[in-house]
Amino acid sequence: MRRPNKGFKMLTKLRIKDQIDKMPEHFTIDELIEKLILIDKIESGIKQSENGKVISEQELENEMEGWFK
């Protein structure tokens, strides 16, 4: 059995079932995947915040300035 990379978060059947139950009666697989990815990113951001892995607004502004140059 192949093991996922360290830090890779596995989905559970319960988590997927919960999201499917919240979807409309008809949906595409792409819509489901997008929803699962969004939820994973939100949960990851919350964990980063809880662990103090955040930057200040000033650091964000400085970083964003570089994006638009």
Protein backbone atom coordinates (compact mmCIF):
# COMPACT_ATOMS: atom_id res chain seq x y z
CA MET A 1 0.00 0.00 0.00
CA ARG A 2 1.31 3.40 -0.98
CA ARG A 3 1.67 5.94 1.82
CA PRO A 4 0.95 9.63 1.20
CA ASN A 5 3.70 12.23 1.59
CA LYS A 6 4.17 13.65 5.05
CA GLY A 7 1.89 16.63 5.58
CA PHE A 8 -0.55 15.39 2.95
CA LYS A 9 -4.02 15.45 4.39
CA MET A 10 -6.19 12.47 3.58
CA LEU A 11 -9.90 12.76 2.94
CA THR A 12 -12.28 10.56 4.86
CA LYS A 13 -15.40 8.89 3.52
CA LEU A 14 -17.42 10.77 6.12
CA ARG A 15 -16.02 14.12 4.98
CA ILE A 16 -16.76 13.35 1.32
CA LYS A 17 -20.24 12.02 2.14
CA ASP A 18 -21.02 15.15 4.14
CA GLN A 19 -20.07 17.35 1.19
CA ILE A 20 -22.04 15.24 -1.29
CA ASP A 21 -25.11 15.51 0.96
CA LYS A 22 -24.81 19.31 0.80
CA MET A 23 -24.65 19.35 -3.01
CA PRO A 24 -27.75 19.82 -5.19
CA GLU A 25 -29.37 16.69 -6.64
CA HIS A 26 -27.42 17.07 -9.91
CA PHE A 27 -23.80 18.23 -10.03
CA THR A 28 -20.64 17.57 -11.98
CA ILE A 29 -17.59 15.82 -10.63
CA ASP A 30 -15.69 19.07 -11.25
CA GLU A 31 -18.07 20.94 -8.95
CA LEU A 32 -17.56 18.37 -6.20
CA ILE A 33 -13.78 18.42 -6.59
CA GLU A 34 -13.73 22.23 -6.49
CA LYS A 35 -15.81 22.19 -3.30
CA LEU A 36 -13.53 19.62 -1.64
CA ILE A 37 -10.42 21.58 -2.62
CA LEU A 38 -11.93 24.80 -1.23
CA ILE A 39 -12.81 23.14 2.07
CA ASP A 40 -9.31 21.65 2.31
CA LYS A 41 -7.73 25.08 1.70
CA ILE A 42 -9.97 26.74 4.30
CA GLU A 43 -9.14 24.07 6.90
CA SER A 44 -5.44 24.42 6.08
CA GLY A 45 -5.63 28.21 6.54
CA ILE A 46 -7.40 27.83 9.87
CA LYS A 47 -4.71 25.41 11.11
CA GLN A 48 -1.95 27.79 9.95
CA SER A 49 -3.63 30.62 11.83
CA GLU A 50 -4.02 28.51 14.98
CA ASN A 51 -0.31 27.61 14.79
CA GLY A 52 0.70 31.27 14.46
CA LYS A 53 1.83 30.87 10.86
CA VAL A 54 0.49 34.23 9.74
CA ILE A 55 1.97 37.45 8.39
CA SER A 56 1.11 41.03 9.26
CA GLU A 57 -0.94 43.27 7.01
CA GLN A 58 2.22 45.27 6.25
CA GLU A 59 4.09 42.12 5.20
CA LEU A 60 1.14 41.20 2.98
CA GLU A 61 1.08 44.65 1.39
CA ASN A 62 4.82 44.48 0.73
CA GLU A 63 4.47 41.04 -0.84
CA MET A 64 1.50 42.14 -2.98
CA GLU A 65 3.43 45.15 -4.29
CA GLY A 66 5.88 42.72 -5.85
CA TRP A 67 3.06 40.93 -7.65
CA PHE A 68 2.05 44.03 -9.60
CA LYS A 69 5.49 45.27 -10.66
